[in-house]
Amino acid sequence: MTRAEIVSKAEAELGKTNWRPYLNFCGISFKTDWCMAFVSWAFGDLNGRAIPNKLINVTPTRKWFRDRNRYMDKATYTRK
C-alpha cells in the first residue's frame, strides 16, 4: 500500500460518523476515543511495517515514531 493509497483510504471516510470499524479493527467492541484506532485502521494493510497495528493509544505510537527518528510535531510538519 502506498502513501497515496493510505491517504485515499482515509479521505474516503470523511463525513462518516460510524467509529465501529476502526475500533473493531483494533479488537475493541465498546465506544472510546477512536482517533488512533482510525490511524491503525488506515494503515492496517501494511501489516505493521509502517506503524504498530491495532493501537488505540497515541503514546506508544508516538514513541515508536520517535525511536525511529520519524516523529514530526505540529511546528515542523509541512503537508506535501
Protein backbone atom coordinates (compact mmCIF):
# COMPACT_ATOMS: atom_id res chain seq x y z
CA MET A 1 0.00 0.00 0.00
CA THR A 2 1.43 3.38 -1.00
CA ARG A 3 1.19 6.68 0.84
CA ALA A 4 -1.35 7.87 -1.73
CA GLU A 5 -3.47 4.75 -1.17
CA ILE A 6 -3.42 5.28 2.59
CA VAL A 7 -4.48 8.91 2.17
CA SER A 8 -7.21 7.89 -0.28
CA LYS A 9 -8.48 5.25 2.13
CA ALA A 10 -8.61 7.82 4.95
CA GLU A 11 -10.17 10.54 2.80
CA ALA A 12 -12.90 8.13 1.71
CA GLU A 13 -14.06 8.14 5.33
CA LEU A 14 -14.58 11.93 5.51
CA GLY A 15 -18.06 12.74 6.75
CA LYS A 16 -18.74 9.25 8.07
CA THR A 17 -19.76 9.00 11.71
CA ASN A 18 -19.53 5.25 12.30
CA TRP A 19 -16.49 4.66 14.54
CA ARG A 20 -17.13 0.91 14.93
CA PRO A 21 -14.97 -0.32 12.00
CA TYR A 22 -11.90 1.41 13.42
CA LEU A 23 -12.32 0.16 16.97
CA ASN A 24 -13.35 -3.30 15.77
CA PHE A 25 -10.15 -3.44 13.71
CA CYS A 26 -8.25 -2.89 16.97
CA GLY A 27 -10.26 -5.53 18.82
CA ILE A 28 -12.33 -3.03 20.83
CA SER A 29 -16.09 -3.56 20.99
CA PHE A 30 -17.05 -0.54 23.11
CA LYS A 31 -17.05 3.16 22.32
CA THR A 32 -13.96 5.03 23.40
CA ASP A 33 -11.69 7.65 21.86
CA TRP A 34 -11.08 6.31 18.39
CA CYS A 35 -8.70 8.74 16.66
CA MET A 36 -5.67 6.45 16.96
CA ALA A 37 -7.81 3.43 16.08
CA PHE A 38 -8.65 5.24 12.84
CA VAL A 39 -4.95 5.67 12.07
CA SER A 40 -4.30 1.99 12.85
CA TRP A 41 -7.21 1.04 10.59
CA ALA A 42 -5.99 3.27 7.74
CA PHE A 43 -2.52 1.72 7.93
CA GLY A 44 -3.92 -1.76 8.57
CA ASP A 45 -2.99 -3.24 5.22
CA LEU A 46 0.68 -2.59 5.90
CA ASN A 47 0.87 -5.44 8.41
CA GLY A 48 2.85 -3.43 10.93
CA ARG A 49 5.58 -2.32 8.53
CA ALA A 50 4.78 1.39 8.88
CA ILE A 51 3.38 1.65 12.42
CA PRO A 52 2.47 -0.85 15.10
CA ASN A 53 -1.00 -2.02 14.12
CA LYS A 54 -4.09 -2.09 16.24
CA LEU A 55 -3.14 0.56 18.77
CA ILE A 56 -5.71 2.87 20.28
CA ASN A 57 -3.26 4.77 22.46
CA VAL A 58 -1.26 7.62 20.93
CA THR A 59 1.62 7.50 23.44
CA PRO A 60 3.22 4.18 22.32
CA THR A 61 2.73 5.14 18.68
CA ARG A 62 4.45 8.50 19.20
CA LYS A 63 7.31 6.65 20.95
CA TRP A 64 7.55 4.22 18.03
CA PHE A 65 7.99 7.13 15.60
CA ARG A 66 10.43 8.96 17.89
CA ASP A 67 12.56 5.84 18.32
CA ARG A 68 12.93 5.73 14.52
CA ASN A 69 13.51 9.49 14.08
CA ARG A 70 10.26 9.73 12.11
CA TYR A 71 8.24 11.89 14.51
CA MET A 72 7.31 15.41 13.47
CA ASP A 73 5.47 17.77 15.76
CA LYS A 74 2.99 20.36 14.52
CA ALA A 75 5.63 23.08 14.43
CA THR A 76 7.83 21.20 11.94
CA TYR A 77 5.24 19.37 9.82
CA THR A 78 4.53 20.64 6.31
CA ARG A 79 1.98 18.96 4.09
CA LYS A 80 3.48 17.91 0.78
